């Protein structure tokens, strides 16, 4: 599948223009994962879903599985709620990275 890129005159950043086929796959993923609410809906934008599809070579079944696992992980571990104060003690212990 090809994705056309086009430079925006206003900010110089590249914008990805999705083909109708790619948009259909995104819509299929959205249908299969079902409606999302709250914080989960942030990770179900067209751009986000297309990244999961690209990561799985546009295979809808694999992308859905990957996205559902990510949403489950985010719901369980809530990484967006981690604050420096919660983990500062890890930095103070002098732990070194394993090589």
C-alpha atoms as a PDB file:
ATOM      1  CA  UNK A   1       0.000   0.000   0.000  1.00  0.00           C
ATOM      2  CA  UNK A   2       1.220   3.432  -0.724  1.00  0.00           C
ATOM      3  CA  UNK A   3       0.797   6.558   1.305  1.00  0.00           C
ATOM      4  CA  UNK A   4       1.139   9.883  -0.449  1.00  0.00           C
ATOM      5  CA  UNK A   5       3.023  12.581   1.383  1.00  0.00           C
ATOM      6  CA  UNK A   6       2.469  16.262   0.845  1.00  0.00           C
ATOM      7  CA  UNK A   7       4.226  19.228   2.420  1.00  0.00           C
ATOM      8  CA  UNK A   8       2.007  21.794   4.014  1.00  0.00           C
ATOM      9  CA  UNK A   9       2.866  25.344   2.976  1.00  0.00           C
ATOM     10  CA  UNK A  10       1.829  26.717   6.356  1.00  0.00           C
ATOM     11  CA  UNK A  11       4.207  24.802   8.624  1.00  0.00           C
ATOM     12  CA  UNK A  12       6.473  22.715   6.382  1.00  0.00           C
ATOM     13  CA  UNK A  13       5.586  19.458   8.113  1.00  0.00           C
ATOM     14  CA  UNK A  14       4.676  16.417   6.088  1.00  0.00           C
ATOM     15  CA  UNK A  15       1.100  15.275   6.213  1.00  0.00           C
ATOM     16  CA  UNK A  16       0.163  11.743   5.315  1.00  0.00           C
ATOM     17  CA  UNK A  17      -2.706  11.365   2.918  1.00  0.00           C
ATOM     18  CA  UNK A  18      -4.363   7.991   3.294  1.00  0.00           C
ATOM     19  CA  UNK A  19      -5.783   6.124   0.352  1.00  0.00           C
ATOM     20  CA  UNK A  20      -9.410   5.039   0.431  1.00  0.00           C
ATOM     21  CA  UNK A  21      -8.270   1.441   0.903  1.00  0.00           C
ATOM     22  CA  UNK A  22      -6.182   2.372   3.919  1.00  0.00           C
ATOM     23  CA  UNK A  23      -9.039   4.404   5.390  1.00  0.00           C
ATOM     24  CA  UNK A  24     -11.309   1.372   4.928  1.00  0.00           C
ATOM     25  CA  UNK A  25      -8.842  -0.765   6.925  1.00  0.00           C
ATOM     26  CA  UNK A  26      -8.705   1.867   9.670  1.00  0.00           C
ATOM     27  CA  UNK A  27     -12.495   1.881   9.815  1.00  0.00           C
ATOM     28  CA  UNK A  28     -12.503  -1.927   9.998  1.00  0.00           C
ATOM     29  CA  UNK A  29     -10.095  -1.872  12.963  1.00  0.00           C
ATOM     30  CA  UNK A  30     -12.220   0.759  14.680  1.00  0.00           C
ATOM     31  CA  UNK A  31     -15.312  -1.407  14.183  1.00  0.00           C
ATOM     32  CA  UNK A  32     -13.573  -4.515  15.556  1.00  0.00           C
ATOM     33  CA  UNK A  33     -12.220  -2.851  18.695  1.00  0.00           C
ATOM     34  CA  UNK A  34     -15.607  -1.310  19.404  1.00  0.00           C
ATOM     35  CA  UNK A  35     -16.396   2.066  20.897  1.00  0.00           C
ATOM     36  CA  UNK A  36     -13.774   3.422  23.267  1.00  0.00           C
ATOM     37  CA  UNK A  37     -14.349   6.043  25.900  1.00  0.00           C
ATOM     38  CA  UNK A  38     -12.233   8.208  28.103  1.00  0.00           C
ATOM     39  CA  UNK A  39      -8.477   7.907  27.865  1.00  0.00           C
ATOM     40  CA  UNK A  40      -8.638   4.857  25.576  1.00  0.00           C
ATOM     41  CA  UNK A  41     -10.251   6.914  22.819  1.00  0.00           C
ATOM     42  CA  UNK A  42      -7.055   9.004  22.551  1.00  0.00           C
ATOM     43  CA  UNK A  43      -5.227   5.925  21.282  1.00  0.00           C
ATOM     44  CA  UNK A  44      -7.857   5.135  18.661  1.00  0.00           C
ATOM     45  CA  UNK A  45      -7.455   8.081  16.304  1.00  0.00           C
ATOM     46  CA  UNK A  46      -7.006   7.412  12.595  1.00  0.00           C
ATOM     47  CA  UNK A  47      -3.302   8.271  12.893  1.00  0.00           C
ATOM     48  CA  UNK A  48      -2.811   5.910  15.822  1.00  0.00           C
ATOM     49  CA  UNK A  49      -4.708   3.046  14.204  1.00  0.00           C
ATOM     50  CA  UNK A  50      -2.757   3.496  10.964  1.00  0.00           C
ATOM     51  CA  UNK A  51       0.509   3.136  12.948  1.00  0.00           C
ATOM     52  CA  UNK A  52      -0.702  -0.191  14.336  1.00  0.00           C
ATOM     53  CA  UNK A  53      -1.723  -1.292  10.839  1.00  0.00           C
ATOM     54  CA  UNK A  54       1.652  -0.318   9.390  1.00  0.00           C
ATOM     55  CA  UNK A  55       3.409  -2.144  12.240  1.00  0.00           C
ATOM     56  CA  UNK A  56       1.540  -5.282  11.242  1.00  0.00           C
ATOM     57  CA  UNK A  57       1.903  -4.825   7.475  1.00  0.00           C
ATOM     58  CA  UNK A  58      -1.728  -3.693   7.125  1.00  0.00           C
ATOM     59  CA  UNK A  59      -3.016  -6.977   8.593  1.00  0.00           C
ATOM     60  CA  UNK A  60      -6.266  -5.993  10.337  1.00  0.00           C
ATOM     61  CA  UNK A  61      -6.466  -9.043  12.598  1.00  0.00           C
ATOM     62  CA  UNK A  62      -2.904  -8.586  13.894  1.00  0.00           C
ATOM     63  CA  UNK A  63      -3.325  -4.819  14.301  1.00  0.00           C
ATOM     64  CA  UNK A  64      -6.531  -5.279  16.292  1.00  0.00           C
ATOM     65  CA  UNK A  65      -4.845  -7.797  18.582  1.00  0.00           C
ATOM     66  CA  UNK A  66      -1.872  -5.478  19.131  1.00  0.00           C
ATOM     67  CA  UNK A  67      -4.059  -2.428  19.799  1.00  0.00           C
ATOM     68  CA  UNK A  68      -6.327  -4.318  22.213  1.00  0.00           C
ATOM     69  CA  UNK A  69      -3.285  -5.532  24.157  1.00  0.00           C
ATOM     70  CA  UNK A  70      -1.950  -1.978  24.309  1.00  0.00           C
ATOM     71  CA  UNK A  71      -5.282  -0.616  25.561  1.00  0.00           C
ATOM     72  CA  UNK A  72      -5.461  -3.367  28.184  1.00  0.00           C
ATOM     73  CA  UNK A  73      -1.876  -2.646  29.304  1.00  0.00           C
ATOM     74  CA  UNK A  74      -2.558   1.094  29.538  1.00  0.00           C
ATOM     75  CA  UNK A  75      -5.732   0.454  31.554  1.00  0.00           C
ATOM     76  CA  UNK A  76      -3.873  -1.829  33.947  1.00  0.00           C
ATOM     77  CA  UNK A  77      -0.620   0.094  34.434  1.00  0.00           C
ATOM     78  CA  UNK A  78      -1.831   3.668  33.771  1.00  0.00           C
ATOM     79  CA  UNK A  79       1.544   4.980  32.512  1.00  0.00           C
ATOM     80  CA  UNK A  80       0.104   8.471  32.019  1.00  0.00           C
ATOM     81  CA  UNK A  81      -0.394   8.728  35.795  1.00  0.00           C
ATOM     82  CA  UNK A  82       3.238   8.011  36.728  1.00  0.00           C
ATOM     83  CA  UNK A  83       4.820  11.049  38.352  1.00  0.00           C
ATOM     84  CA  UNK A  84       8.465  11.729  39.131  1.00  0.00           C
ATOM     85  CA  UNK A  85       7.704  11.704  42.849  1.00  0.00           C
ATOM     86  CA  UNK A  86       6.452   8.119  42.489  1.00  0.00           C
ATOM     87  CA  UNK A  87       9.702   6.839  40.986  1.00  0.00           C
ATOM     88  CA  UNK A  88      12.345   9.275  42.259  1.00  0.00           C
ATOM     89  CA  UNK A  89      13.621   6.682  44.748  1.00  0.00           C
ATOM     90  CA  UNK A  90      14.717   4.517  41.810  1.00  0.00           C
ATOM     91  CA  UNK A  91      17.084   7.266  40.655  1.00  0.00           C
ATOM     92  CA  UNK A  92      18.479   7.736  44.159  1.00  0.00           C
ATOM     93  CA  UNK A  93      19.488   4.113  44.729  1.00  0.00           C
ATOM     94  CA  UNK A  94      22.435   4.296  42.341  1.00  0.00           C
ATOM     95  CA  UNK A  95      21.230   1.432  40.192  1.00  0.00           C
ATOM     96  CA  UNK A  96      23.195   0.978  37.001  1.00  0.00           C
ATOM     97  CA  UNK A  97      21.949  -0.278  33.677  1.00  0.00           C
ATOM     98  CA  UNK A  98      22.844  -3.869  32.885  1.00  0.00           C
ATOM     99  CA  UNK A  99      24.971  -4.360  29.820  1.00  0.00           C
END
